[in-house]
């Protein structure tokens, strides 16, 4: 059996490391997306739930106050017109781009 030169073995290990780092990054993005979907589903469920009308009202009021400053992309505000209303559906660009 012929041994590979050390430089070739190092290059192969570096490539394997790069592949694994890419895979890990993809898994982390998928996990983050899943968390966002689930928290959004919970919020929407609580808005629609009649279990605690006072909480749903407070949540809706909070979203009306916070969403306009959070939604920065064109068209995102339209997705939430049922919550924030069309009058407030103008995106604000004061929010940091740290999503």
Protein backbone atom coordinates (compact mmCIF):
# COMPACT_ATOMS: atom_id res chain seq x y z
CA UNK A 1 0.00 0.00 0.00
CA UNK A 2 1.40 3.37 -1.02
CA UNK A 3 1.20 6.11 1.58
CA UNK A 4 -0.01 9.50 0.46
CA UNK A 5 2.34 12.42 0.96
CA UNK A 6 1.65 14.45 4.09
CA UNK A 7 0.79 17.56 2.06
CA UNK A 8 -1.86 15.59 0.15
CA UNK A 9 -3.30 14.19 3.37
CA UNK A 10 -3.43 17.69 4.87
CA UNK A 11 -5.19 19.02 1.76
CA UNK A 12 -7.75 16.20 1.94
CA UNK A 13 -8.36 16.87 5.64
CA UNK A 14 -8.77 20.59 4.98
CA UNK A 15 -11.31 19.83 2.25
CA UNK A 16 -13.17 17.46 4.58
CA UNK A 17 -13.16 20.19 7.26
CA UNK A 18 -14.57 22.70 4.78
CA UNK A 19 -17.35 20.28 3.79
CA UNK A 20 -18.22 19.63 7.45
CA UNK A 21 -18.25 23.33 8.30
CA UNK A 22 -20.58 23.97 5.35
CA UNK A 23 -22.88 21.16 6.50
CA UNK A 24 -22.91 22.50 10.06
CA UNK A 25 -23.75 25.99 8.84
CA UNK A 26 -26.64 24.61 6.80
CA UNK A 27 -27.95 22.69 9.82
CA UNK A 28 -27.73 25.80 12.00
CA UNK A 29 -29.65 27.88 9.43
CA UNK A 30 -32.33 25.19 9.18
CA UNK A 31 -32.64 25.07 12.97
CA UNK A 32 -32.90 28.85 13.18
CA UNK A 33 -35.57 28.90 10.46
CA UNK A 34 -37.54 26.17 12.23
CA UNK A 35 -37.42 28.11 15.52
CA UNK A 36 -38.71 31.24 13.78
CA UNK A 37 -41.53 29.33 12.13
CA UNK A 38 -42.57 27.73 15.41
CA UNK A 39 -42.51 30.97 17.40
CA UNK A 40 -44.49 32.66 14.63
CA UNK A 41 -47.03 29.83 14.65
CA UNK A 42 -47.38 30.20 18.42
CA UNK A 43 -47.93 33.95 18.16
CA UNK A 44 -50.52 33.54 15.40
CA UNK A 45 -52.26 30.80 17.38
CA UNK A 46 -52.45 33.03 20.45
CA UNK A 47 -53.84 35.89 18.36
CA UNK A 48 -56.58 33.64 17.01
CA UNK A 49 -57.26 31.81 20.26
CA UNK A 50 -60.18 32.86 22.41
CA UNK A 51 -58.69 31.15 25.45
CA UNK A 52 -57.39 34.38 26.91
CA UNK A 53 -58.91 37.38 25.10
CA UNK A 54 -57.08 39.91 27.30
CA UNK A 55 -53.69 38.39 26.44
CA UNK A 56 -54.58 38.21 22.74
CA UNK A 57 -55.52 41.90 22.83
CA UNK A 58 -52.25 42.86 24.56
CA UNK A 59 -50.27 40.75 22.08
CA UNK A 60 -52.05 42.35 19.11
CA UNK A 61 -51.40 45.85 20.56
CA UNK A 62 -47.73 44.99 21.08
CA UNK A 63 -47.41 43.67 17.52
CA UNK A 64 -49.08 46.83 16.15
CA UNK A 65 -46.46 48.89 17.95
CA UNK A 66 -43.42 46.73 17.13
CA UNK A 67 -44.00 45.26 13.66
CA UNK A 68 -43.84 48.46 11.59
CA UNK A 69 -40.29 49.11 12.78
CA UNK A 70 -39.28 45.48 12.37
CA UNK A 71 -40.51 44.95 8.81
CA UNK A 72 -37.90 46.40 6.50
CA UNK A 73 -38.35 44.58 3.19
CA UNK A 74 -40.76 45.80 0.54
CA UNK A 75 -43.94 43.78 0.69
CA UNK A 76 -43.41 42.37 4.19
CA UNK A 77 -45.82 44.88 5.70
CA UNK A 78 -48.56 43.66 3.38
CA UNK A 79 -48.30 40.21 4.98
CA UNK A 80 -49.32 41.70 8.31
CA UNK A 81 -52.03 44.17 7.27
CA UNK A 82 -54.57 42.10 9.21
CA UNK A 83 -52.60 42.87 12.39
CA UNK A 84 -51.10 46.32 11.85
CA UNK A 85 -53.57 47.67 9.32
CA UNK A 86 -52.80 49.25 5.94
CA UNK A 87 -52.23 52.74 7.37
CA UNK A 88 -49.18 51.56 9.35
CA UNK A 89 -47.93 49.17 6.69
CA UNK A 90 -45.02 51.40 5.71
CA UNK A 91 -41.64 49.81 6.49
CA UNK A 92 -39.27 51.65 8.77
CA UNK A 93 -35.56 51.37 8.10
CA UNK A 94 -34.52 52.26 11.66
CA UNK A 95 -34.02 48.60 12.59
CA UNK A 96 -30.55 47.14 12.45
CA UNK A 97 -29.91 44.55 9.75
CA UNK A 98 -29.16 41.83 12.31
CA UNK A 99 -31.81 39.23 11.49
